[in-house]
Protein backbone atom coordinates (compact mmCIF):
# COMPACT_ATOMS: atom_id res chain seq x y z
CA MET A 1 14.55 -49.31 3.50
CA GLY A 2 12.67 -50.46 0.41
CA ASP A 3 13.92 -50.24 -2.53
CA ALA A 4 13.34 -46.97 -3.97
CA GLY A 5 15.14 -45.32 -0.76
CA ARG A 6 18.21 -47.20 -1.19
CA ILE A 7 18.24 -46.14 -4.75
CA ILE A 8 17.89 -42.32 -3.70
CA GLU A 9 20.27 -42.96 -0.55
CA MET A 10 23.13 -44.03 -3.59
CA MET A 11 22.52 -41.20 -5.77
CA ILE A 12 22.93 -38.93 -2.92
CA GLU A 13 26.15 -40.44 -2.17
CA GLU A 14 27.11 -40.14 -5.86
CA TRP A 15 26.25 -37.20 -5.87
CA GLU A 16 28.48 -36.07 -2.33
CA LYS A 17 31.28 -37.83 -4.54
CA GLU A 18 31.03 -35.26 -7.46
CA PRO A 19 33.45 -32.15 -6.79
CA ALA A 20 32.19 -28.70 -5.68
CA TYR A 21 31.13 -26.40 -8.82
CA ALA A 22 34.43 -25.50 -10.45
CA HIS A 23 33.08 -22.27 -12.09
CA GLN A 24 33.42 -19.90 -9.19
CA ALA A 25 34.96 -17.34 -10.87
CA ASP A 26 32.51 -17.22 -13.37
CA LEU A 27 29.49 -17.27 -10.98
CA ALA A 28 31.19 -14.40 -9.67
CA ALA A 29 31.60 -12.30 -12.14
CA TRP A 30 27.60 -12.97 -13.08
CA TRP A 31 26.63 -11.81 -9.72
CA GLU A 32 28.94 -8.86 -9.78
CA GLN A 33 26.88 -7.85 -13.00
CA ILE A 34 23.65 -8.63 -11.29
CA GLU A 35 24.67 -6.55 -7.68
CA ALA A 36 25.86 -3.50 -10.61
CA TRP A 37 21.97 -3.41 -12.02
CA ARG A 38 20.56 -3.59 -8.60
CA ALA A 39 22.58 -0.53 -7.43
CA LEU A 40 20.93 1.44 -10.33
CA ASN A 41 18.04 1.28 -8.17
CA CYS A 42 15.60 1.84 -10.93
CA LEU A 43 12.62 2.43 -9.02
CA ARG A 44 14.05 5.22 -6.92
CA PHE A 45 12.70 8.69 -6.96
CA SER A 46 13.23 11.85 -5.07
CA GLN A 47 10.29 13.46 -3.31
CA ASP A 48 10.59 16.91 -1.90
CA GLN A 49 9.04 16.79 1.36
CA ALA A 50 8.60 20.61 1.86
CA PRO A 51 4.17 21.36 2.31
CA ASP A 52 4.12 23.44 -0.73
CA ALA A 53 6.61 20.74 -3.06
CA VAL A 54 4.97 19.24 -6.25
CA ILE A 55 3.57 15.98 -6.14
CA LYS A 56 5.88 13.26 -7.48
CA PRO A 57 3.44 10.36 -9.26
CA GLN A 58 5.56 7.64 -7.51
CA GLN A 59 4.48 9.58 -4.54
CA ALA A 60 1.22 9.87 -5.07
CA ILE A 61 0.70 6.24 -5.71
CA ARG A 62 2.44 5.26 -3.12
CA ARG A 63 0.48 7.28 -0.54
CA ILE A 64 -2.56 5.91 -2.36
CA TYR A 65 -1.36 2.30 -1.90
CA GLU A 66 0.01 2.68 2.02
CA LEU A 67 -3.49 4.63 3.09
CA ALA A 68 -5.74 2.42 1.39
CA ARG A 69 -3.67 -0.34 3.41
CA GLU A 70 -4.23 1.17 6.60
CA THR A 71 -8.30 0.67 5.86
CA GLY A 72 -8.26 -2.84 6.40
CA ARG A 73 -10.44 -3.28 3.49
CA ASP A 74 -10.18 -6.08 0.57
CA THR A 75 -9.03 -3.46 -2.04
CA TYR A 76 -8.95 -4.00 -5.58
CA VAL A 77 -7.05 -1.88 -8.43
CA SER A 78 -7.77 -0.88 -11.98
CA THR A 79 -5.59 0.54 -14.38
CA GLU A 80 -5.63 3.29 -17.82
CA VAL A 81 -2.46 3.03 -20.05
CA GLY A 82 0.65 4.43 -19.47
CA GLN A 83 3.19 5.76 -17.17
CA HIS A 84 0.78 5.92 -14.61
CA GLN A 85 -0.07 1.98 -15.36
CA MET A 86 3.62 1.16 -15.12
CA TRP A 87 4.20 3.47 -11.80
CA ALA A 88 0.77 1.59 -10.38
CA ALA A 89 2.60 -2.11 -10.78
CA GLN A 90 5.36 -0.63 -9.66
CA TYR A 91 4.29 1.21 -6.24
CA PHE A 92 0.95 -0.56 -5.22
CA ARG A 93 2.01 -3.69 -3.94
CA PHE A 94 -0.87 -6.48 -3.73
CA ASP A 95 -1.18 -8.25 -0.51
CA GLU A 96 -3.76 -11.11 -2.48
CA PRO A 97 -3.63 -12.28 -5.75
CA ASN A 98 -6.59 -11.44 -8.95
CA ARG A 99 -7.27 -8.05 -7.49
CA TRP A 100 -5.20 -6.23 -10.39
CA LEU A 101 -6.99 -5.09 -13.09
CA THR A 102 -5.04 -3.69 -16.35
CA SER A 103 -5.45 -4.30 -20.05
CA GLY A 104 -1.59 -5.17 -19.77
CA GLY A 105 0.63 -5.13 -23.64
CA LEU A 106 -2.62 -4.49 -25.15
CA GLY A 107 -2.37 -0.62 -24.48
CA THR A 108 -6.46 -0.01 -24.04
CA MET A 109 -6.53 3.63 -23.05
CA GLY A 110 -10.32 3.85 -21.47
CA TYR A 111 -10.04 0.79 -19.75
CA GLY A 112 -9.51 1.10 -16.06
CA LEU A 113 -12.83 2.85 -15.03
CA PRO A 114 -15.21 0.40 -16.66
CA ALA A 115 -13.01 -2.31 -15.24
CA ALA A 116 -13.89 -0.46 -11.68
CA VAL A 117 -17.20 -0.56 -12.23
CA GLY A 118 -17.39 -4.44 -13.25
CA ALA A 119 -15.11 -5.05 -10.09
CA GLN A 120 -17.41 -3.03 -7.94
CA ILE A 121 -20.48 -4.79 -9.11
CA ALA A 122 -18.48 -8.32 -8.37
CA HIS A 123 -17.58 -7.39 -5.06
CA PRO A 124 -20.29 -4.41 -3.36
CA ASP A 125 -18.41 -4.40 -0.32
CA ALA A 126 -14.63 -3.92 -1.02
CA LEU A 127 -12.73 -0.66 -1.92
CA VAL A 128 -12.05 -0.37 -5.38
CA LEU A 129 -9.81 1.90 -7.22
CA ASP A 130 -8.79 3.04 -10.96
CA ILE A 131 -5.32 4.74 -10.91
CA ALA A 132 -5.90 6.98 -13.98
CA GLY A 133 -4.12 9.13 -16.48
CA GLU A 134 -5.60 12.16 -17.50
CA ALA A 135 -6.00 11.49 -21.02
CA SER A 136 -6.96 7.72 -20.50
CA THR A 137 -10.03 8.62 -18.31
CA LEU A 138 -11.45 11.13 -20.97
CA MET A 139 -11.77 7.97 -23.28
CA ASN A 140 -14.42 6.52 -21.28
CA ILE A 141 -15.50 9.35 -18.86
CA GLN A 142 -19.37 8.82 -19.10
CA GLU A 143 -18.95 5.82 -17.44
CA LEU A 144 -18.89 8.02 -14.29
CA GLY A 145 -22.76 8.03 -15.52
CA THR A 146 -22.78 4.15 -15.19
CA ILE A 147 -21.39 5.05 -11.28
CA ALA A 148 -24.03 7.34 -10.71
CA GLN A 149 -26.92 5.33 -11.67
CA TYR A 150 -25.82 2.19 -9.67
CA ARG A 151 -24.40 4.19 -6.76
CA LEU A 152 -20.71 2.32 -7.12
CA PRO A 153 -18.53 4.00 -4.77
CA VAL A 154 -15.47 3.91 -7.14
CA LYS A 155 -12.74 5.99 -6.40
CA LEU A 156 -10.94 7.18 -9.41
CA PHE A 157 -7.73 8.56 -8.72
CA ILE A 158 -6.35 10.87 -11.95
CA ILE A 159 -2.28 11.25 -11.98
CA ASN A 160 -2.72 14.50 -14.01
CA ASN A 161 0.53 15.66 -15.33
CA HIS A 162 -1.00 17.39 -18.64
CA TYR A 163 0.72 14.83 -20.67
CA MET A 164 -0.16 11.38 -22.43
CA GLY A 165 2.93 11.16 -20.30
CA MET A 166 4.37 7.51 -22.17
CA VAL A 167 4.06 8.88 -25.41
CA ARG A 168 5.83 12.20 -24.02
CA GLN A 169 8.73 9.77 -22.33
CA TRP A 170 9.17 8.45 -26.11
CA GLN A 171 9.59 11.31 -27.68
CA GLU A 172 12.05 12.63 -25.31
CA LEU A 173 14.32 9.32 -25.45
CA LEU A 174 14.10 8.16 -28.70
CA HIS A 175 12.96 11.49 -30.73
CA GLY A 176 14.95 14.40 -29.51
CA SER A 177 12.20 15.75 -27.44
CA ARG A 178 10.48 16.56 -30.35
CA TYR A 179 6.90 16.70 -29.07
CA SER A 180 4.34 16.40 -30.53
CA GLU A 181 0.32 15.84 -29.82
CA SER A 182 1.12 14.84 -25.95
CA TYR A 183 0.31 17.77 -24.30
CA SER A 184 -2.88 18.76 -23.48
CA ASP A 185 -3.91 22.48 -22.19
CA ALA A 186 -7.26 22.46 -22.39
CA LEU A 187 -7.82 19.54 -19.69
CA PRO A 188 -11.65 20.30 -17.94
CA ASP A 189 -11.96 20.93 -14.51
CA PHE A 190 -12.08 17.34 -13.21
CA VAL A 191 -13.53 18.30 -9.62
CA LYS A 192 -16.52 19.95 -11.21
CA LEU A 193 -16.75 17.37 -13.75
CA ALA A 194 -16.89 14.88 -11.23
CA GLU A 195 -19.69 17.14 -9.59
CA SER A 196 -21.78 17.11 -12.92
CA PHE A 197 -21.76 13.47 -12.40
CA HIS A 198 -22.93 13.21 -8.96
CA ALA A 199 -19.58 12.19 -7.32
CA LYS A 200 -17.61 14.05 -4.85
CA GLY A 201 -14.51 15.70 -6.74
CA LEU A 202 -11.19 16.31 -5.06
CA ARG A 203 -7.75 18.28 -5.85
CA ALA A 204 -4.60 18.12 -4.50
CA THR A 205 -1.65 20.47 -5.93
CA ARG A 206 0.80 20.41 -3.44
CA MET A 207 2.35 17.43 -1.05
CA ALA A 208 0.80 19.20 2.12
CA GLU A 209 -2.71 18.30 0.27
CA LEU A 210 -1.98 14.59 -0.22
CA ASP A 211 -2.46 12.45 2.49
CA ASP A 212 -5.48 14.47 3.41
CA THR A 213 -7.07 14.44 -0.05
CA ILE A 214 -6.66 10.73 -0.48
CA ARG A 215 -8.00 9.59 2.89
CA ALA A 216 -10.88 11.97 2.26
CA ALA A 217 -11.86 9.86 -0.84
CA LEU A 218 -11.15 6.76 0.81
CA GLU A 219 -13.28 7.33 3.78
CA HIS A 220 -16.44 8.69 1.49
CA ASP A 221 -18.80 6.25 0.92
CA GLY A 222 -19.88 7.25 -2.85
CA PRO A 223 -17.91 7.52 -5.87
CA VAL A 224 -14.97 10.17 -5.86
CA VAL A 225 -12.74 11.44 -8.68
CA VAL A 226 -9.48 12.93 -7.23
CA ASP A 227 -7.56 15.12 -9.62
CA LEU A 228 -3.99 14.39 -8.08
CA CYS A 229 -1.81 17.61 -10.18
CA VAL A 230 1.83 15.80 -10.32
CA THR A 231 5.20 17.11 -12.25
CA GLU A 232 5.28 17.05 -15.68
CA GLY A 233 8.52 15.57 -16.45
CA GLU A 234 8.82 12.26 -15.01
CA ASN A 235 10.32 9.28 -16.63
CA CYS A 236 8.98 5.42 -15.62
CA PHE A 237 11.83 3.27 -15.52
CA PRO A 238 13.01 0.38 -16.47
CA MET A 239 12.07 0.54 -20.38
CA ILE A 240 13.15 -1.04 -23.36
CA PRO A 241 13.59 1.46 -26.66
CA SER A 242 11.50 0.69 -29.28
CA GLY A 243 12.68 -2.22 -31.51
CA ALA A 244 15.98 -3.14 -29.30
CA ALA A 245 16.70 -6.00 -27.19
CA HIS A 246 16.18 -6.62 -23.68
CA ASN A 247 19.90 -6.44 -22.97
CA GLU A 248 19.55 -3.09 -24.41
CA MET A 249 17.09 -1.77 -21.29
CA ILE A 250 17.57 1.65 -19.74
CA LEU A 251 17.10 1.28 -16.73
CA GLY A 252 17.36 4.46 -14.99
CA PRO A 253 17.58 8.40 -15.63
CA GLU A 254 21.44 8.20 -15.71
CA GLN A 255 21.58 6.06 -18.87
CA GLU A 256 18.74 8.17 -20.40
CA GLY A 257 21.76 9.95 -22.76
CA ARG A 258 23.44 6.63 -23.54
CA ASP A 259 23.12 5.31 -27.28
CA ALA A 260 20.15 3.10 -27.07
CA LYS A 261 20.71 1.76 -30.29
CA VAL A 262 17.11 2.18 -31.86
CA THR A 263 16.52 1.41 -35.30
CA ARG A 264 14.55 3.09 -37.87
CA GLU A 265 11.86 0.77 -38.03
CA GLY A 266 11.57 1.00 -33.96
CA MET A 267 10.93 4.61 -34.32
CA MET A 268 8.55 4.17 -36.55
CA LEU A 269 6.88 1.97 -34.10
CA VAL A 270 6.22 4.71 -31.41
């Protein structure tokens, strides 16, 4: 054994002479707090499985992931901005790195569709999905023309809840449900809009239609726009109230009614 090996051996011997960690009580209390947070299970949701049940957005994205994975194809996913962006991060699980295209904290509505165009051109044989909201989709809807012109088989899944969902959620939780300019009752017919751009248009409004609609989109060899009509009032967790600290994070719906300690300055941010 060389000098270096002997030094390491001596260090281990000295380390083993040290008494065991003396703050087990403090450590136990910390783990108890962690388990209390885990018990809230902020990613849980309840989906009625009845055929005529309304689709939850989380369920829609989970099934897009599961059915896309069944194809065995290399898959790239882009998103727009809003609740669907958060749910896509939470429920679309990625098996490979560099498959997730999102604007992150930049909050760029309309990002996902042109990002999907770029991903499809770079990877012509891959399955490229844009998980989108209806409001963000309309920010760059003209990219369907690009998709048609270059014959790109991009699959656009619109998680359609008729709201700018994250704006509605902020208004509900932080502004006493005083909704303003977050609901749209004048959306286009996305199926007909898809067809006008030479794409296949599909729609699902109930659980019985969800899987077959997703499968039909994934199996089609050209571009597809899927209008997935989901529940309107679902909230996304966890979330940090505007201007609040990380230790004031709202972890689930049972905490929605608590004092979020939102400052006037924080409220002005959203």
